[in-house]
Protein backbone atom coordinates (compact mmCIF):
# COMPACT_ATOMS: atom_id res chain seq x y z
CA UNK A 1 -20.20 -15.12 76.29
CA UNK A 2 -23.55 -14.62 74.53
CA UNK A 3 -26.00 -11.76 74.28
CA UNK A 4 -28.04 -13.34 77.15
CA UNK A 5 -27.07 -13.19 80.79
CA UNK A 6 -24.24 -15.54 81.72
CA UNK A 7 -22.46 -16.48 84.91
CA UNK A 8 -18.74 -16.39 85.54
CA UNK A 9 -16.83 -17.84 88.45
CA UNK A 10 -14.33 -15.64 90.18
CA UNK A 11 -11.06 -16.79 91.79
CA UNK A 12 -12.87 -16.90 95.18
CA UNK A 13 -15.44 -19.33 93.77
CA UNK A 14 -18.08 -16.63 93.90
CA UNK A 15 -20.61 -16.49 91.19
CA UNK A 16 -20.83 -13.07 89.52
CA UNK A 17 -23.54 -12.14 87.13
CA UNK A 18 -22.33 -10.43 83.98
CA UNK A 19 -24.60 -8.75 81.50
CA UNK A 20 -23.55 -8.29 77.86
CA UNK A 21 -25.16 -5.35 76.10
CA UNK A 22 -25.79 -6.04 72.37
CA UNK A 23 -24.42 -3.55 69.80
CA UNK A 24 -26.94 -1.04 68.48
CA UNK A 25 -28.22 -1.85 64.97
CA UNK A 26 -27.27 0.57 62.20
CA UNK A 27 -30.18 2.15 60.39
CA UNK A 28 -30.59 2.57 56.65
CA UNK A 29 -29.94 6.29 56.83
CA UNK A 30 -26.64 5.83 58.63
CA UNK A 31 -25.60 3.15 56.14
CA UNK A 32 -26.30 5.47 53.22
CA UNK A 33 -24.24 8.22 54.87
CA UNK A 34 -21.36 5.79 55.31
CA UNK A 35 -21.42 4.82 51.63
CA UNK A 36 -21.47 8.50 50.59
CA UNK A 37 -18.50 9.21 52.80
CA UNK A 38 -16.56 6.30 51.30
CA UNK A 39 -17.35 7.51 47.76
CA UNK A 40 -16.07 11.03 48.54
CA UNK A 41 -12.74 9.72 49.76
CA UNK A 42 -9.56 10.97 48.08
CA UNK A 43 -8.33 9.04 45.01
CA UNK A 44 -5.60 6.50 45.36
CA UNK A 45 -2.10 7.80 45.66
CA UNK A 46 0.12 8.01 42.60
CA UNK A 47 2.41 5.17 41.63
CA UNK A 48 5.58 4.90 43.60
CA UNK A 49 8.88 5.90 41.98
CA UNK A 50 9.85 2.25 41.57
CA UNK A 51 6.67 1.56 39.61
CA UNK A 52 7.28 4.61 37.41
CA UNK A 53 10.78 3.37 36.67
CA UNK A 54 9.36 0.00 35.63
CA UNK A 55 6.96 1.73 33.23
CA UNK A 56 9.78 3.78 31.73
CA UNK A 57 11.90 0.68 31.24
CA UNK A 58 8.99 -1.05 29.50
CA UNK A 59 8.58 1.89 27.08
CA UNK A 60 12.30 1.97 26.44
CA UNK A 61 12.43 -1.74 25.59
CA UNK A 62 9.36 -1.59 23.37
CA UNK A 63 10.02 -2.77 19.81
CA UNK A 64 10.40 0.06 17.31
CA UNK A 65 9.13 -0.20 13.71
CA UNK A 66 11.62 -1.40 11.11
CA UNK A 67 13.16 1.35 8.98
CA UNK A 68 14.94 1.04 5.70
CA UNK A 69 18.44 2.44 5.85
CA UNK A 70 18.92 2.51 2.06
CA UNK A 71 17.75 5.32 -0.21
CA UNK A 72 14.20 5.34 -1.48
CA UNK A 73 13.69 3.84 -4.94
CA UNK A 74 13.04 6.22 -7.83
CA UNK A 75 10.23 4.00 -9.11
CA UNK A 76 6.66 3.84 -7.86
CA UNK A 77 5.04 0.43 -8.06
CA UNK A 78 1.57 -1.00 -8.52
CA UNK A 79 0.56 -4.66 -8.14
CA UNK A 80 -1.36 -5.73 -11.23
CA UNK A 81 -2.18 -9.27 -10.15
CA UNK A 82 -1.40 -11.59 -7.25
CA UNK A 83 -2.46 -15.22 -7.06
CA UNK A 84 -1.78 -18.30 -4.98
CA UNK A 85 -0.48 -21.38 -6.78
CA UNK A 86 -1.00 -24.84 -5.32
CA UNK A 87 1.30 -27.72 -6.20
CA UNK A 88 0.35 -31.23 -5.10
CA UNK A 89 3.22 -33.55 -4.31
CA UNK A 90 3.71 -36.83 -2.41
CA UNK A 91 4.22 -34.92 0.86
CA UNK A 92 1.03 -32.89 0.45
CA UNK A 93 0.09 -29.51 -0.98
CA UNK A 94 2.64 -26.75 -1.35
CA UNK A 95 1.53 -23.14 -1.74
CA UNK A 96 3.45 -20.42 -3.56
CA UNK A 97 2.54 -16.89 -4.67
CA UNK A 98 2.88 -15.36 -8.14
CA UNK A 99 2.89 -11.56 -8.49
CA UNK A 100 2.70 -9.28 -11.55
CA UNK A 101 3.85 -5.73 -10.88
CA UNK A 102 4.27 -2.49 -12.84
CA UNK A 103 6.73 0.28 -12.00
CA UNK A 104 7.30 3.84 -13.22
CA UNK A 105 9.22 6.98 -12.30
CA UNK A 106 6.61 9.52 -13.46
CA UNK A 107 9.00 10.87 -16.11
CA UNK A 108 8.33 8.50 -19.00
CA UNK A 109 9.98 5.31 -17.75
CA UNK A 110 7.81 2.22 -17.17
CA UNK A 111 8.36 -1.51 -16.76
CA UNK A 112 6.51 -4.74 -16.00
CA UNK A 113 7.80 -7.83 -14.20
CA UNK A 114 6.72 -11.05 -12.51
CA UNK A 115 7.98 -12.98 -9.51
CA UNK A 116 7.26 -16.12 -7.51
CA UNK A 117 7.99 -16.98 -3.89
CA UNK A 118 6.85 -18.82 -0.79
CA UNK A 119 5.39 -15.58 0.61
CA UNK A 120 4.08 -12.38 -0.93
CA UNK A 121 6.98 -10.18 0.23
CA UNK A 122 9.56 -12.37 -1.50
CA UNK A 123 7.44 -12.60 -4.66
CA UNK A 124 7.02 -8.81 -4.82
CA UNK A 125 10.75 -8.26 -4.35
CA UNK A 126 11.53 -10.62 -7.25
CA UNK A 127 8.87 -8.98 -9.44
CA UNK A 128 10.33 -5.50 -8.83
CA UNK A 129 13.81 -6.69 -9.81
CA UNK A 130 12.38 -8.26 -12.97
CA UNK A 131 10.49 -5.06 -13.82
CA UNK A 132 13.61 -2.88 -13.40
CA UNK A 133 15.41 -5.01 -15.97
CA UNK A 134 12.59 -4.47 -18.48
CA UNK A 135 12.23 -0.68 -18.07
CA UNK A 136 11.71 1.29 -21.30
CA UNK A 137 11.72 5.02 -22.02
CA UNK A 138 8.57 6.26 -23.75
CA UNK A 139 9.01 8.76 -26.57
CA UNK A 140 6.76 11.63 -25.53
CA UNK A 141 5.93 15.15 -26.64
CA UNK A 142 6.63 18.31 -24.66
CA UNK A 143 3.31 17.98 -22.79
CA UNK A 144 3.98 14.32 -21.81
CA UNK A 145 1.65 12.83 -24.41
CA UNK A 146 2.33 10.46 -27.31
CA UNK A 147 3.14 11.89 -30.78
CA UNK A 148 0.71 9.75 -32.78
CA UNK A 149 -1.79 6.90 -32.65
CA UNK A 150 -0.36 3.51 -31.78
CA UNK A 151 -1.76 -0.01 -31.72
CA UNK A 152 -0.25 -3.32 -30.59
CA UNK A 153 -1.17 -6.91 -29.78
CA UNK A 154 0.42 -9.27 -27.28
CA UNK A 155 -0.95 -12.79 -26.95
CA UNK A 156 -4.76 -12.37 -26.67
CA UNK A 157 -4.60 -8.70 -25.56
CA UNK A 158 -4.86 -5.82 -28.04
CA UNK A 159 -4.67 -2.13 -27.14
CA UNK A 160 -5.10 1.17 -28.97
CA UNK A 161 -3.85 4.56 -27.75
CA UNK A 162 -4.70 7.94 -29.28
CA UNK A 163 -3.40 11.38 -28.20
CA UNK A 164 -6.25 13.57 -26.94
CA UNK A 165 -5.07 17.07 -25.92
CA UNK A 166 -6.80 18.53 -22.89
CA UNK A 167 -8.72 15.39 -21.88
CA UNK A 168 -6.26 13.78 -19.50
CA UNK A 169 -6.08 9.98 -19.20
CA UNK A 170 -9.13 8.15 -20.51
CA UNK A 171 -8.40 4.46 -20.01
CA UNK A 172 -8.96 1.56 -17.65
CA UNK A 173 -7.48 -1.63 -16.21
CA UNK A 174 -3.70 -2.13 -16.46
CA UNK A 175 -3.51 0.39 -19.31
CA UNK A 176 -4.43 3.23 -16.97
CA UNK A 177 -2.04 2.02 -14.27
CA UNK A 178 0.91 2.12 -16.67
CA UNK A 179 0.01 5.57 -18.01
CA UNK A 180 -0.21 6.99 -14.49
CA UNK A 181 3.05 5.38 -13.35
CA UNK A 182 4.83 6.77 -16.42
CA UNK A 183 3.52 10.29 -15.82
CA UNK A 184 1.84 10.43 -19.25
CA UNK A 185 -1.07 12.79 -19.94
CA UNK A 186 -3.77 13.47 -22.53
CA UNK A 187 -4.09 9.92 -23.87
CA UNK A 188 -7.25 8.06 -24.83
CA UNK A 189 -6.64 4.33 -24.38
CA UNK A 190 -8.84 1.45 -25.44
CA UNK A 191 -8.56 -2.32 -24.87
CA UNK A 192 -9.89 -3.71 -28.14
CA UNK A 193 -9.74 -7.41 -27.28
CA UNK A 194 -11.94 -9.18 -24.77
CA UNK A 195 -8.99 -10.35 -22.70
CA UNK A 196 -9.10 -9.52 -18.99
CA UNK A 197 -5.54 -10.71 -18.30
CA UNK A 198 -3.79 -7.66 -16.84
CA UNK A 199 -0.30 -9.02 -17.47
CA UNK A 200 -1.00 -9.51 -21.19
CA UNK A 201 -2.56 -6.04 -21.40
CA UNK A 202 0.50 -4.49 -19.74
CA UNK A 203 2.84 -6.31 -22.12
CA UNK A 204 0.76 -5.08 -25.07
CA UNK A 205 1.10 -1.50 -23.80
CA UNK A 206 4.89 -1.84 -23.58
CA UNK A 207 4.96 -3.27 -27.10
CA UNK A 208 2.88 -0.35 -28.37
CA UNK A 209 5.18 2.21 -26.73
CA UNK A 210 8.15 0.49 -28.35
CA UNK A 211 6.76 1.26 -31.82
CA UNK A 212 6.46 5.01 -31.21
CA UNK A 213 8.44 7.33 -33.46
CA UNK A 214 9.91 10.57 -32.17
CA UNK A 215 8.49 13.83 -33.47
CA UNK A 216 10.59 15.31 -36.29
CA UNK A 217 10.86 19.10 -36.70
CA UNK A 218 8.76 20.58 -39.47
CA UNK A 219 10.53 20.90 -42.79
CA UNK A 220 11.02 24.37 -44.18
CA UNK A 221 8.74 25.33 -47.02
CA UNK A 222 10.35 25.57 -50.46
CA UNK A 223 10.22 29.03 -51.87
CA UNK A 224 8.26 29.45 -55.07
CA UNK A 225 11.00 31.46 -56.79
CA UNK A 226 13.68 28.85 -56.09
CA UNK A 227 15.43 27.50 -59.14
CA UNK A 228 14.56 23.91 -60.14
CA UNK A 229 17.33 21.36 -59.94
CA UNK A 230 18.99 20.41 -63.23
CA UNK A 231 19.13 16.69 -63.96
CA UNK A 232 21.76 14.68 -65.85
CA UNK A 233 19.59 14.38 -68.97
CA UNK A 234 19.19 18.15 -69.21
CA UNK A 235 22.96 18.59 -68.99
CA UNK A 236 23.56 16.09 -71.82
CA UNK A 237 21.00 17.76 -74.09
CA UNK A 238 22.60 21.13 -73.51
């Protein structure tokens, strides 16, 4: 049937006229009211219990961060230098990493080591092991400073360190890193050479600390009225 008048045959073969009334058109105002009503509808219902269970299972199976079971190391570490080394072979280029690292416990112990590996984590682990084998104990004063001036040279690097009470650490580059890791204070450090190689500078610092002498207690003053010692010649003459 259409919106116009149509004819329909009945069972008795009688023609019956049927009129179809078209639907009334919806105005703009009514349409706007309908949209407002739809916008003010209640929010969607909460997730079903089965969905909540799935979410809980997902959180439970989520990967947790890796934790170290062993005790924390007594040494703090600082990477001095890290570089990528390329080796060309018949099969192509092979990349490895070389790391220089310094360690210290903040109580006068410091060390420097190097390591190589296919990735940075392995290279750092090897460097830390190497540095622990080369740890030295710095001879310090009661206020964690050095007892006297010291100077040393390693390869092309040359360093000078002077005690400076009340000034803290005045130094730069790898020299400052080692002083901070060792917990040393009131030291004025200077890199005399023009070398920028941090590994050589660190080795020069270790060499300088190795030449330190411990502070000796002050000798008692000799009394003026003390008797002079008698030598062998005086005894013979007598």
